Protein backbone atom coordinates (compact mmCIF):
# COMPACT_ATOMS: atom_id res chain seq x y z
CA UNK A 1 139.69 112.15 92.66
CA UNK A 2 136.14 111.29 91.71
CA UNK A 3 134.52 109.67 94.70
CA UNK A 4 132.90 105.91 94.01
CA UNK A 5 129.97 104.66 95.45
CA UNK A 6 130.21 101.74 97.41
CA UNK A 7 129.28 98.64 96.61
CA UNK A 8 128.50 97.98 100.48
CA UNK A 9 126.00 100.66 101.09
CA UNK A 10 123.56 99.71 98.88
CA UNK A 11 121.41 102.97 99.08
CA UNK A 12 124.44 104.45 97.26
CA UNK A 13 126.07 101.81 95.00
CA UNK A 14 125.14 102.51 91.31
CA UNK A 15 123.27 106.26 91.97
CA UNK A 16 126.10 108.87 91.60
CA UNK A 17 125.15 110.46 94.86
CA UNK A 18 128.08 112.16 97.51
CA UNK A 19 128.11 110.33 100.77
CA UNK A 20 126.26 113.03 103.53
CA UNK A 21 129.21 113.24 106.02
CA UNK A 22 128.54 110.89 109.04
CA UNK A 23 125.77 109.42 107.72
CA UNK A 24 125.49 106.26 108.07
CA UNK A 25 124.94 102.83 105.50
CA UNK A 26 120.50 102.69 104.86
CA UNK A 27 119.57 99.21 104.23
CA UNK A 28 116.76 98.83 101.61
CA UNK A 29 113.70 97.53 103.17
CA UNK A 30 111.26 96.17 100.73
CA UNK A 31 107.42 95.94 101.36
CA UNK A 32 105.56 92.51 100.38
CA UNK A 33 104.38 92.14 96.79
CA UNK A 34 100.74 90.78 97.57
CA UNK A 35 98.05 91.89 100.13
CA UNK A 36 97.65 89.65 103.33
CA UNK A 37 94.16 87.65 102.74
CA UNK A 38 92.12 88.95 105.59
CA UNK A 39 88.05 89.68 106.61
CA UNK A 40 87.71 93.40 106.14
CA UNK A 41 85.44 92.84 109.45
CA UNK A 42 86.73 91.79 112.69
CA UNK A 43 84.06 88.95 113.98
CA UNK A 44 83.34 88.37 109.92
CA UNK A 45 81.94 84.69 109.54
CA UNK A 46 83.85 81.58 107.82
CA UNK A 47 81.18 82.34 104.58
CA UNK A 48 81.63 86.21 104.69
CA UNK A 49 85.58 85.51 104.49
CA UNK A 50 84.97 83.28 101.98
CA UNK A 51 82.62 85.34 99.75
CA UNK A 52 84.43 88.51 100.01
CA UNK A 53 87.27 86.10 98.77
CA UNK A 54 85.63 84.73 95.62
CA UNK A 55 84.27 88.58 94.57
CA UNK A 56 88.62 89.60 94.93
CA UNK A 57 89.25 86.68 92.90
CA UNK A 58 86.54 87.13 90.48
CA UNK A 59 87.65 90.66 90.59
CA UNK A 60 91.70 90.01 89.86
CA UNK A 61 89.99 87.88 86.64
CA UNK A 62 87.51 90.54 85.15
CA UNK A 63 90.61 93.11 85.28
CA UNK A 64 92.99 90.57 84.43
CA UNK A 65 91.04 90.17 80.61
CA UNK A 66 89.99 93.76 81.00
CA UNK A 67 86.36 93.52 81.35
CA UNK A 68 84.90 97.24 82.08
CA UNK A 69 83.33 97.88 85.80
CA UNK A 70 80.29 98.08 86.58
CA UNK A 71 78.86 101.38 87.45
CA UNK A 72 75.43 102.71 88.82
CA UNK A 73 74.04 106.35 88.39
CA UNK A 74 75.12 107.94 91.37
CA UNK A 75 74.30 111.77 92.99
CA UNK A 76 76.07 113.04 95.74
CA UNK A 77 77.83 115.82 97.64
CA UNK A 78 81.09 115.51 98.69
CA UNK A 79 81.39 116.80 102.53
CA UNK A 80 84.99 117.29 103.14
CA UNK A 81 85.87 119.66 99.33
CA UNK A 82 82.02 120.20 98.93
CA UNK A 83 82.24 118.80 94.93
CA UNK A 84 79.28 118.41 93.35
CA UNK A 85 79.32 114.24 92.21
CA UNK A 86 77.18 113.11 89.31
CA UNK A 87 77.17 109.30 87.34
CA UNK A 88 74.70 108.56 84.15
CA UNK A 89 75.22 105.52 82.44
CA UNK A 90 74.02 106.10 78.97
CA UNK A 91 73.75 103.62 76.06
CA UNK A 92 77.45 104.36 74.95
CA UNK A 93 78.76 106.22 77.52
CA UNK A 94 79.60 107.02 81.18
CA UNK A 95 79.22 110.23 82.03
CA UNK A 96 81.50 111.24 85.36
CA UNK A 97 80.44 115.30 86.06
CA UNK A 98 82.12 116.91 88.79
CA UNK A 99 81.17 120.52 89.79
CA UNK A 100 80.00 121.14 86.38
CA UNK A 101 82.60 119.75 84.64
CA UNK A 102 81.53 116.31 82.85
CA UNK A 103 84.35 112.85 81.51
CA UNK A 104 83.10 111.20 79.52
CA UNK A 105 84.13 106.92 78.96
CA UNK A 106 83.13 103.96 76.72
CA UNK A 107 80.58 102.45 78.39
CA UNK A 108 81.73 98.98 77.01
CA UNK A 109 85.52 99.54 77.40
CA UNK A 110 85.57 101.75 79.98
CA UNK A 111 88.42 104.09 78.14
CA UNK A 112 88.12 107.50 78.90
CA UNK A 113 86.43 109.12 75.24
CA UNK A 114 86.63 113.27 76.07
CA UNK A 115 85.18 115.72 78.78
CA UNK A 116 83.07 119.02 78.09
CA UNK A 117 81.14 121.01 80.87
CA UNK A 118 77.47 121.89 81.14
CA UNK A 119 76.02 125.40 80.16
């Protein structure tokens, strides 16, 4: 005789898993799909709230059509990991350098283009 999962216990139904002795049936929790629209800073003005919402909507629209993101040249050292990180924007590609290891991305599409290392 083989054990079949119970339809009452949604966590085991159809999974083929065997119940643990003495375990009570569990209920599956569903998390909200979208984020809640709220200001990032406490005490933000209405203008700051609307400006943030407009920026987010514009960013979502640009992501949906596949537009590449904008990035500027910068260089910094991560205080937690100690890694030296550098970003350089060229005419045709963007170079991300992490501890001497270079990662290249197409400037216009944002697609990964290859990697190399500094000599």
